[in-house]
Amino acid sequence: MLKLQASFKGEIKNLNLNFRVVIIQGTVAHQISGDKIVNLLEAGTYFGAAENSTHNKSVKEDQEAYVL
């Protein structure tokens, strides 16, 4: 489990063939590096990713998020 603090902005690089994430609490803005689309992922949302992909994440300034 990973806690993303309020106002978190950063990236996560996937080095694994089986990268899967579930948002447990909060809302996370998610963007694949090089893509213009930003998705808002809320609690209960699941996504998977390709190997060697980079994902930009940010969290609202008034809440924290937990991902698994």
N, C-alpha and C. Protein backbone atom coordinates (compact mmCIF):
# COMPACT_ATOMS: atom_id res chain seq x y z
N MET A 1 0.85 -1.17 0.00
CA MET A 1 0.00 0.00 0.00
C MET A 1 0.90 1.23 0.00
N LEU A 2 0.46 2.25 -0.72
CA LEU A 2 1.22 3.48 -0.86
C LEU A 2 0.34 4.66 -0.49
N LYS A 3 0.83 5.52 0.39
CA LYS A 3 0.10 6.72 0.77
C LYS A 3 0.64 7.88 -0.05
N LEU A 4 -0.25 8.59 -0.74
CA LEU A 4 0.12 9.79 -1.47
C LEU A 4 -0.42 10.97 -0.66
N GLN A 5 0.48 11.80 -0.16
CA GLN A 5 0.08 12.90 0.70
C GLN A 5 -0.70 13.97 -0.07
N ALA A 6 -1.41 14.81 0.66
CA ALA A 6 -2.14 15.92 0.05
C ALA A 6 -1.16 16.75 -0.79
N SER A 7 -1.59 17.19 -1.93
CA SER A 7 -0.80 18.00 -2.88
C SER A 7 0.33 17.23 -3.55
N PHE A 8 0.36 15.89 -3.43
CA PHE A 8 1.41 15.09 -4.06
C PHE A 8 1.38 15.29 -5.57
N LYS A 9 2.54 15.48 -6.16
CA LYS A 9 2.71 15.51 -7.61
C LYS A 9 4.00 14.76 -7.91
N GLY A 10 3.90 13.74 -8.73
CA GLY A 10 5.09 12.97 -9.05
C GLY A 10 4.78 11.92 -10.09
N GLU A 11 5.74 11.04 -10.30
CA GLU A 11 5.54 9.99 -11.29
C GLU A 11 5.95 8.65 -10.72
N ILE A 12 5.33 7.64 -11.27
CA ILE A 12 5.63 6.26 -10.91
C ILE A 12 6.02 5.54 -12.19
N LYS A 13 7.18 4.91 -12.19
CA LYS A 13 7.63 4.17 -13.36
C LYS A 13 7.39 2.69 -13.12
N ASN A 14 6.70 2.06 -14.05
CA ASN A 14 6.40 0.64 -13.96
C ASN A 14 7.53 -0.17 -14.60
N LEU A 15 8.15 -1.03 -13.84
CA LEU A 15 9.21 -1.91 -14.36
C LEU A 15 8.77 -3.37 -14.38
N ASN A 16 7.51 -3.62 -14.09
CA ASN A 16 6.99 -4.97 -13.93
C ASN A 16 6.03 -5.32 -15.06
N LEU A 17 5.97 -6.58 -15.44
CA LEU A 17 5.01 -7.03 -16.45
C LEU A 17 3.57 -6.96 -15.94
N ASN A 18 3.37 -7.15 -14.65
CA ASN A 18 2.02 -7.22 -14.07
C ASN A 18 1.76 -6.06 -13.11
N PHE A 19 1.76 -4.85 -13.61
CA PHE A 19 1.53 -3.66 -12.79
C PHE A 19 0.05 -3.38 -12.70
N ARG A 20 -0.49 -3.44 -11.50
CA ARG A 20 -1.92 -3.21 -11.26
C ARG A 20 -2.04 -2.30 -10.05
N VAL A 21 -3.00 -1.37 -10.09
CA VAL A 21 -3.21 -0.43 -9.00
C VAL A 21 -4.70 -0.31 -8.72
N VAL A 22 -5.05 -0.25 -7.43
CA VAL A 22 -6.42 0.03 -7.00
C VAL A 22 -6.37 1.25 -6.10
N ILE A 23 -7.22 2.23 -6.36
CA ILE A 23 -7.33 3.40 -5.51
C ILE A 23 -8.21 3.00 -4.32
N ILE A 24 -7.66 3.08 -3.12
CA ILE A 24 -8.38 2.67 -1.91
C ILE A 24 -9.13 3.85 -1.31
N GLN A 25 -8.49 5.01 -1.28
CA GLN A 25 -9.11 6.21 -0.68
C GLN A 25 -8.63 7.43 -1.43
N GLY A 26 -9.49 8.41 -1.61
CA GLY A 26 -9.12 9.68 -2.24
C GLY A 26 -9.33 9.66 -3.74
N THR A 27 -8.91 10.73 -4.37
CA THR A 27 -9.00 10.88 -5.82
C THR A 27 -7.60 11.20 -6.34
N VAL A 28 -7.19 10.49 -7.38
CA VAL A 28 -5.86 10.67 -7.95
C VAL A 28 -6.01 11.05 -9.42
N ALA A 29 -5.35 12.14 -9.82
CA ALA A 29 -5.29 12.50 -11.24
C ALA A 29 -4.17 11.64 -11.84
N HIS A 30 -4.48 10.94 -12.92
CA HIS A 30 -3.55 9.98 -13.52
C HIS A 30 -3.36 10.31 -14.99
N GLN A 31 -2.10 10.38 -15.41
CA GLN A 31 -1.79 10.64 -16.82
C GLN A 31 -0.58 9.80 -17.20
N ILE A 32 -0.71 9.07 -18.29
CA ILE A 32 0.44 8.32 -18.82
C ILE A 32 1.36 9.32 -19.48
N SER A 33 2.64 9.24 -19.18
CA SER A 33 3.62 10.17 -19.72
C SER A 33 3.54 10.18 -21.24
N GLY A 34 3.48 11.37 -21.82
CA GLY A 34 3.39 11.51 -23.26
C GLY A 34 1.96 11.53 -23.79
N ASP A 35 0.98 11.31 -22.93
CA ASP A 35 -0.43 11.31 -23.32
C ASP A 35 -1.07 12.59 -22.81
N LYS A 36 -2.01 13.15 -23.56
CA LYS A 36 -2.66 14.39 -23.16
C LYS A 36 -3.87 14.17 -22.27
N ILE A 37 -4.37 12.95 -22.18
CA ILE A 37 -5.57 12.65 -21.42
C ILE A 37 -5.23 12.48 -19.94
N VAL A 38 -5.98 13.18 -19.08
CA VAL A 38 -5.84 13.04 -17.63
C VAL A 38 -7.12 12.41 -17.11
N ASN A 39 -6.98 11.30 -16.38
CA ASN A 39 -8.13 10.61 -15.79
C ASN A 39 -8.16 10.87 -14.29
N LEU A 40 -9.35 11.14 -13.76
CA LEU A 40 -9.52 11.26 -12.32
C LEU A 40 -9.96 9.90 -11.80
N LEU A 41 -9.14 9.29 -10.98
CA LEU A 41 -9.40 7.96 -10.44
C LEU A 41 -9.87 8.08 -9.00
N GLU A 42 -11.06 7.61 -8.73
CA GLU A 42 -11.63 7.68 -7.38
C GLU A 42 -11.53 6.33 -6.70
N ALA A 43 -11.81 6.32 -5.39
CA ALA A 43 -11.76 5.08 -4.61
C ALA A 43 -12.54 3.98 -5.31
N GLY A 44 -11.96 2.80 -5.39
CA GLY A 44 -12.56 1.66 -6.05
C GLY A 44 -12.12 1.49 -7.49
N THR A 45 -11.42 2.48 -8.04
CA THR A 45 -10.95 2.41 -9.42
C THR A 45 -9.72 1.52 -9.52
N TYR A 46 -9.63 0.79 -10.61
CA TYR A 46 -8.52 -0.14 -10.87
C TYR A 46 -7.93 0.19 -12.22
N PHE A 47 -6.61 0.09 -12.35
CA PHE A 47 -6.00 0.18 -13.68
C PHE A 47 -4.74 -0.66 -13.73
N GLY A 48 -4.38 -1.06 -14.92
CA GLY A 48 -3.16 -1.80 -15.16
C GLY A 48 -2.31 -1.01 -16.14
N ALA A 49 -1.05 -1.36 -16.27
CA ALA A 49 -0.16 -0.60 -17.14
C ALA A 49 0.87 -1.50 -17.80
N ALA A 50 1.34 -1.04 -18.95
CA ALA A 50 2.35 -1.77 -19.70
C ALA A 50 3.72 -1.63 -19.03
N GLU A 51 4.57 -2.61 -19.27
CA GLU A 51 5.93 -2.59 -18.73
C GLU A 51 6.68 -1.38 -19.26
N ASN A 52 7.52 -0.79 -18.41
CA ASN A 52 8.35 0.37 -18.74
C ASN A 52 7.55 1.63 -19.08
N SER A 53 6.35 1.74 -18.55
CA SER A 53 5.56 2.96 -18.75
C SER A 53 5.71 3.86 -17.53
N THR A 54 5.55 5.15 -17.73
CA THR A 54 5.66 6.13 -16.65
C THR A 54 4.31 6.80 -16.48
N HIS A 55 3.89 6.94 -15.22
CA HIS A 55 2.57 7.47 -14.90
C HIS A 55 2.71 8.68 -13.99
N ASN A 56 2.16 9.81 -14.43
CA ASN A 56 2.16 11.03 -13.63
C ASN A 56 0.94 11.00 -12.72
N LYS A 57 1.15 11.30 -11.46
CA LYS A 57 0.08 11.27 -10.46
C LYS A 57 0.05 12.58 -9.72
N SER A 58 -1.14 13.01 -9.34
CA SER A 58 -1.27 14.16 -8.44
C SER A 58 -2.52 13.96 -7.59
N VAL A 59 -2.49 14.57 -6.41
CA VAL A 59 -3.57 14.47 -5.44
C VAL A 59 -3.99 15.88 -5.07
N LYS A 60 -5.27 16.08 -4.84
CA LYS A 60 -5.78 17.39 -4.45
C LYS A 60 -5.07 17.88 -3.19
N GLU A 61 -4.99 19.20 -3.05
CA GLU A 61 -4.28 19.76 -1.90
C GLU A 61 -5.00 19.57 -0.58
N ASP A 62 -6.28 19.20 -0.60
CA ASP A 62 -7.03 19.07 0.65
C ASP A 62 -7.34 17.62 1.04
N GLN A 63 -6.68 16.66 0.37
CA GLN A 63 -6.92 15.26 0.73
C GLN A 63 -5.69 14.43 0.43
N GLU A 64 -5.60 13.27 1.06
CA GLU A 64 -4.54 12.32 0.75
C GLU A 64 -5.18 11.12 0.08
N ALA A 65 -4.36 10.29 -0.52
CA ALA A 65 -4.89 9.11 -1.21
C ALA A 65 -4.07 7.89 -0.83
N TYR A 66 -4.73 6.75 -0.84
CA TYR A 66 -4.06 5.46 -0.60
C TYR A 66 -4.29 4.58 -1.81
N VAL A 67 -3.21 3.99 -2.30
CA VAL A 67 -3.31 3.08 -3.44
C VAL A 67 -2.69 1.75 -3.08
N LEU A 68 -3.16 0.71 -3.69
CA LEU A 68 -2.67 -0.64 -3.44
C LEU A 68 -2.29 -1.27 -4.75
